[in-house]
Amino acid sequence: MSRILLAEDDRALRDITVMYLKKNGLQVDVTDNGNSACQLIEMNRYDCIVLDIMMPGKNGREVCRLIRNKYDVPVIFLTALGDESDIVEGYEAGADEYITKPFSAKLLLVKINALINRYRGLLVKNGMIVMDDLTIEPAKRRVVSGGNEISLAPKEYDLLMYLIENKDIVLSRDQILDHVWGSDYAGYDRAVDTHIKKLRAALGGCGSHIETVIKAGYKWKS
């Protein structure tokens, strides 16, 4: 599951946006000012950061410049400042996208997912991740392998996305358990092996991308 930070001081707008993003599979941290946004960015790893420009403490442009000095993460400005000079200044500050209010939560979701996948080196077409014979539509948790739509249990889908989002990186069982099952999971770590086996079988030929790394864990081979 991708993790994002939303820094927005309009509580009503923030709550509605967070609800929509969470409903569509994102983990969302929130803050209402630039200073705490910087603190959260220092403490956590985010896949995308969405910033209002006019907020208490450091403004969005200042936060974005700090991000660009230290991190490689996509940044979206979500703001009421819609003049051409404001937009140009936003991009000059280092933003990847600039969305003016009022806005569509669906559009924001599409842009967040597209940026995350672009930064991860995944090919995205019409909101879908495409890898060889595998197509994933994150908004609907829909997976097509070898031309056939397949049904995955929730944990299998989350496991697939975690592997793909970290393609070519070896993930230990503990890392997978913590990310997919949660840090409070107290079950058997072989649950990972069981779900890997089921996932490989469900993916058919695409299952060969899941490589077992002896005494280390698993990785998705690109």
Protein backbone atom coordinates (compact mmCIF):
# COMPACT_ATOMS: atom_id res chain seq x y z
CA MET A 1 0.00 0.00 0.00
CA SER A 2 1.39 3.38 -1.00
CA ARG A 3 1.81 5.95 1.78
CA ILE A 4 1.28 9.64 1.17
CA LEU A 5 1.35 12.84 3.20
CA LEU A 6 -1.42 15.42 2.78
CA ALA A 7 -0.63 18.87 4.22
CA GLU A 8 -3.83 20.93 4.08
CA ASP A 9 -5.21 23.41 6.64
CA ASP A 10 -8.84 23.31 5.45
CA ARG A 11 -10.20 20.61 7.75
CA ALA A 12 -13.42 19.89 5.85
CA LEU A 13 -11.61 19.59 2.53
CA ARG A 14 -8.85 17.51 4.14
CA ASP A 15 -11.28 15.06 5.74
CA ILE A 16 -13.23 14.48 2.53
CA THR A 17 -10.04 14.02 0.50
CA VAL A 18 -8.51 11.62 3.02
CA MET A 19 -11.68 9.54 3.09
CA TYR A 20 -11.66 9.18 -0.70
CA LEU A 21 -7.95 8.37 -0.95
CA LYS A 22 -8.14 5.76 1.81
CA LYS A 23 -11.21 4.19 0.20
CA ASN A 24 -9.11 3.76 -2.94
CA GLY A 25 -6.19 2.00 -1.32
CA LEU A 26 -3.80 4.69 -0.09
CA GLN A 27 -2.39 5.08 3.40
CA VAL A 28 -2.66 8.78 4.27
CA ASP A 29 -0.89 10.82 6.96
CA VAL A 30 -2.24 14.34 7.50
CA THR A 31 -1.13 17.65 8.91
CA ASP A 32 -2.42 21.21 8.79
CA ASN A 33 0.85 23.18 8.70
CA GLY A 34 4.21 23.31 6.99
CA ASN A 35 6.36 22.89 10.08
CA SER A 36 4.81 19.58 11.12
CA ALA A 37 4.87 18.48 7.46
CA CYS A 38 8.67 18.86 7.51
CA GLN A 39 8.86 16.86 10.75
CA LEU A 40 6.73 14.04 9.32
CA ILE A 41 8.83 13.95 6.16
CA GLU A 42 11.98 13.60 8.25
CA MET A 43 10.45 10.74 10.26
CA ASN A 44 8.71 8.72 7.54
CA ARG A 45 9.14 7.45 4.01
CA TYR A 46 6.39 8.71 1.68
CA ASP A 47 5.56 7.66 -1.86
CA CYS A 48 3.97 11.02 -2.65
CA ILE A 49 3.49 14.35 -0.84
CA VAL A 50 0.51 16.65 -1.44
CA LEU A 51 0.97 20.24 -0.24
CA ASP A 52 -1.29 23.23 0.12
CA ILE A 53 0.69 26.41 -0.55
CA MET A 54 -1.02 28.81 1.86
CA MET A 55 -0.81 27.08 5.23
CA PRO A 56 0.52 28.02 8.69
CA GLY A 57 4.22 27.74 9.41
CA LYS A 58 6.36 27.08 6.36
CA ASN A 59 4.31 27.53 3.19
CA GLY A 60 4.04 24.82 0.58
CA ARG A 61 6.75 26.22 -1.67
CA GLU A 62 9.22 26.32 1.23
CA VAL A 63 8.39 22.74 2.17
CA CYS A 64 8.78 21.64 -1.45
CA ARG A 65 12.22 23.25 -1.73
CA LEU A 66 13.33 21.46 1.44
CA ILE A 67 12.05 18.17 0.02
CA ARG A 68 13.93 18.67 -3.24
CA ASN A 69 17.18 19.27 -1.35
CA LYS A 70 16.99 15.90 0.41
CA TYR A 71 14.48 13.46 -1.09
CA ASP A 72 13.44 11.91 -4.39
CA VAL A 73 9.67 11.84 -3.97
CA PRO A 74 6.85 13.21 -6.13
CA VAL A 75 5.21 16.43 -4.91
CA ILE A 76 1.79 17.77 -5.83
CA PHE A 77 0.59 21.28 -5.01
CA LEU A 78 -3.12 21.43 -4.14
CA THR A 79 -3.97 25.12 -3.88
CA ALA A 80 -6.39 27.95 -4.54
CA LEU A 81 -3.61 29.97 -6.21
CA GLY A 82 -4.43 29.57 -9.88
CA ASP A 83 -2.76 32.51 -11.64
CA GLU A 84 -0.18 31.63 -14.27
CA SER A 85 2.58 33.25 -12.20
CA ASP A 86 1.60 31.11 -9.18
CA ILE A 87 1.66 27.94 -11.25
CA VAL A 88 5.05 28.80 -12.76
CA GLU A 89 6.43 29.55 -9.29
CA GLY A 90 5.07 26.22 -8.05
CA TYR A 91 6.85 24.26 -10.73
CA GLU A 92 10.02 26.29 -10.19
CA ALA A 93 9.86 25.30 -6.51
CA GLY A 94 10.07 21.67 -7.62
CA ALA A 95 6.48 20.42 -7.88
CA ASP A 96 5.66 17.56 -10.23
CA GLU A 97 1.97 18.50 -10.51
CA TYR A 98 -0.09 21.61 -9.75
CA ILE A 99 -3.81 21.21 -9.03
CA THR A 100 -6.04 24.21 -8.35
CA LYS A 101 -9.09 24.24 -6.08
CA PRO A 102 -11.89 23.35 -6.46
CA PHE A 103 -10.67 19.97 -7.65
CA SER A 104 -11.82 16.42 -8.29
CA ALA A 105 -10.68 13.85 -5.70
CA LYS A 106 -10.72 11.28 -8.51
CA LEU A 107 -8.30 13.41 -10.55
CA LEU A 108 -6.04 13.82 -7.52
CA LEU A 109 -6.00 10.04 -7.01
CA VAL A 110 -5.12 9.41 -10.66
CA LYS A 111 -2.28 11.93 -10.54
CA ILE A 112 -0.94 10.52 -7.26
CA ASN A 113 -0.90 6.95 -8.59
CA ALA A 114 0.60 8.00 -11.92
CA LEU A 115 3.42 9.91 -10.22
CA ILE A 116 4.15 7.10 -7.76
CA ASN A 117 4.38 4.58 -10.57
CA ARG A 118 6.47 6.89 -12.73
CA TYR A 119 8.96 7.37 -9.90
CA ARG A 120 9.06 3.59 -9.42
CA GLY A 121 9.76 3.06 -13.10
CA LEU A 122 6.45 1.36 -13.85
CA LEU A 123 4.64 1.86 -17.16
CA VAL A 124 1.23 3.44 -16.61
CA LYS A 125 -1.48 3.57 -19.28
CA ASN A 126 -4.91 5.06 -18.58
CA GLY A 127 -4.45 4.63 -14.84
CA MET A 128 -3.30 1.00 -15.18
CA ILE A 129 0.09 -0.54 -14.40
CA VAL A 130 1.36 -2.58 -17.34
CA MET A 131 4.22 -5.08 -16.99
CA ASP A 132 4.67 -7.60 -19.81
CA ASP A 133 1.49 -9.73 -19.78
CA LEU A 134 0.34 -8.34 -16.44
CA THR A 135 -2.07 -5.41 -16.12
CA ILE A 136 -3.22 -3.95 -12.80
CA GLU A 137 -5.93 -1.35 -12.29
CA PRO A 138 -5.24 -0.10 -8.74
CA ALA A 139 -8.45 1.94 -8.39
CA LYS A 140 -10.49 -1.27 -8.80
CA ARG A 141 -7.88 -3.74 -7.46
CA ARG A 142 -8.32 -5.53 -10.79
CA VAL A 143 -5.60 -7.84 -12.13
CA VAL A 144 -5.30 -9.30 -15.63
CA SER A 145 -2.57 -11.89 -16.26
CA GLY A 146 -1.94 -13.34 -19.69
CA GLY A 147 -5.15 -11.78 -20.96
CA ASN A 148 -7.29 -13.35 -18.24
CA GLU A 149 -8.78 -11.47 -15.31
CA ILE A 150 -7.84 -13.24 -12.09
CA SER A 151 -9.37 -13.16 -8.65
CA LEU A 152 -6.98 -12.51 -5.78
CA ALA A 153 -7.68 -12.56 -2.07
CA PRO A 154 -7.07 -9.15 -0.43
CA LYS A 155 -3.74 -10.18 1.09
CA GLU A 156 -2.58 -11.70 -2.20
CA TYR A 157 -3.35 -8.46 -4.01
CA ASP A 158 -1.55 -6.39 -1.36
CA LEU A 159 1.40 -8.77 -1.55
CA LEU A 160 1.52 -8.47 -5.36
CA MET A 161 1.50 -4.66 -5.19
CA TYR A 162 4.20 -4.59 -2.51
CA LEU A 163 6.47 -6.81 -4.58
CA ILE A 164 5.91 -4.79 -7.76
CA GLU A 165 6.33 -1.44 -6.01
CA ASN A 166 9.74 -2.69 -4.84
CA LYS A 167 10.71 -4.55 -8.01
CA ASP A 168 14.26 -5.96 -8.07
CA ILE A 169 14.57 -5.36 -4.30
CA VAL A 170 14.79 -8.38 -1.99
CA LEU A 171 12.10 -8.19 0.69
CA SER A 172 12.43 -10.27 3.84
CA ARG A 173 9.50 -12.18 5.31
CA ASP A 174 9.50 -9.73 8.23
CA GLN A 175 9.29 -6.76 5.88
CA ILE A 176 6.42 -8.37 3.97
CA LEU A 177 4.57 -9.30 7.15
CA ASP A 178 4.97 -5.79 8.54
CA HIS A 179 3.78 -4.09 5.34
CA VAL A 180 1.02 -6.46 4.22
CA TRP A 181 -0.25 -7.88 7.51
CA GLY A 182 0.70 -5.01 9.82
CA SER A 183 3.24 -4.59 12.60
CA ASP A 184 0.85 -6.03 15.18
CA TYR A 185 0.52 -9.35 13.32
CA ALA A 186 1.26 -12.20 15.73
CA GLY A 187 0.78 -15.17 13.42
CA TYR A 188 3.11 -17.59 11.70
CA ASP A 189 5.69 -16.05 9.34
CA ARG A 190 5.22 -18.93 6.90
CA ALA A 191 1.96 -17.21 5.98
CA VAL A 192 4.13 -15.29 3.53
CA ASP A 193 5.29 -18.49 1.85
CA THR A 194 1.72 -19.78 1.61
CA HIS A 195 0.46 -16.59 0.00
CA ILE A 196 3.45 -16.42 -2.36
CA LYS A 197 2.62 -19.94 -3.54
CA LYS A 198 -1.05 -19.02 -4.11
CA LEU A 199 -0.08 -15.79 -5.86
CA ARG A 200 2.32 -17.53 -8.23
CA ALA A 201 -0.35 -20.08 -9.14
CA ALA A 202 -2.96 -17.38 -9.73
CA LEU A 203 -0.64 -15.33 -11.96
CA GLY A 204 0.19 -18.26 -14.23
CA GLY A 205 3.14 -17.43 -16.48
CA CYS A 206 3.60 -14.03 -14.82
CA GLY A 207 4.22 -15.85 -11.54
CA SER A 208 7.77 -16.51 -12.72
CA HIS A 209 8.57 -12.87 -11.91
CA ILE A 210 8.40 -13.74 -8.20
CA GLU A 211 11.85 -15.00 -7.27
CA THR A 212 12.73 -16.81 -4.06
CA VAL A 213 16.02 -15.55 -2.62
CA ILE A 214 17.29 -18.32 -0.34
CA LYS A 215 17.66 -17.27 3.31
CA ALA A 216 16.67 -13.72 2.39
CA GLY A 217 13.09 -13.49 1.14
CA TYR A 218 11.41 -12.70 -2.16
CA LYS A 219 11.64 -10.18 -4.97
CA TRP A 220 9.83 -9.27 -8.17
CA LYS A 221 12.20 -9.66 -11.14
CA SER A 222 11.72 -7.04 -13.83
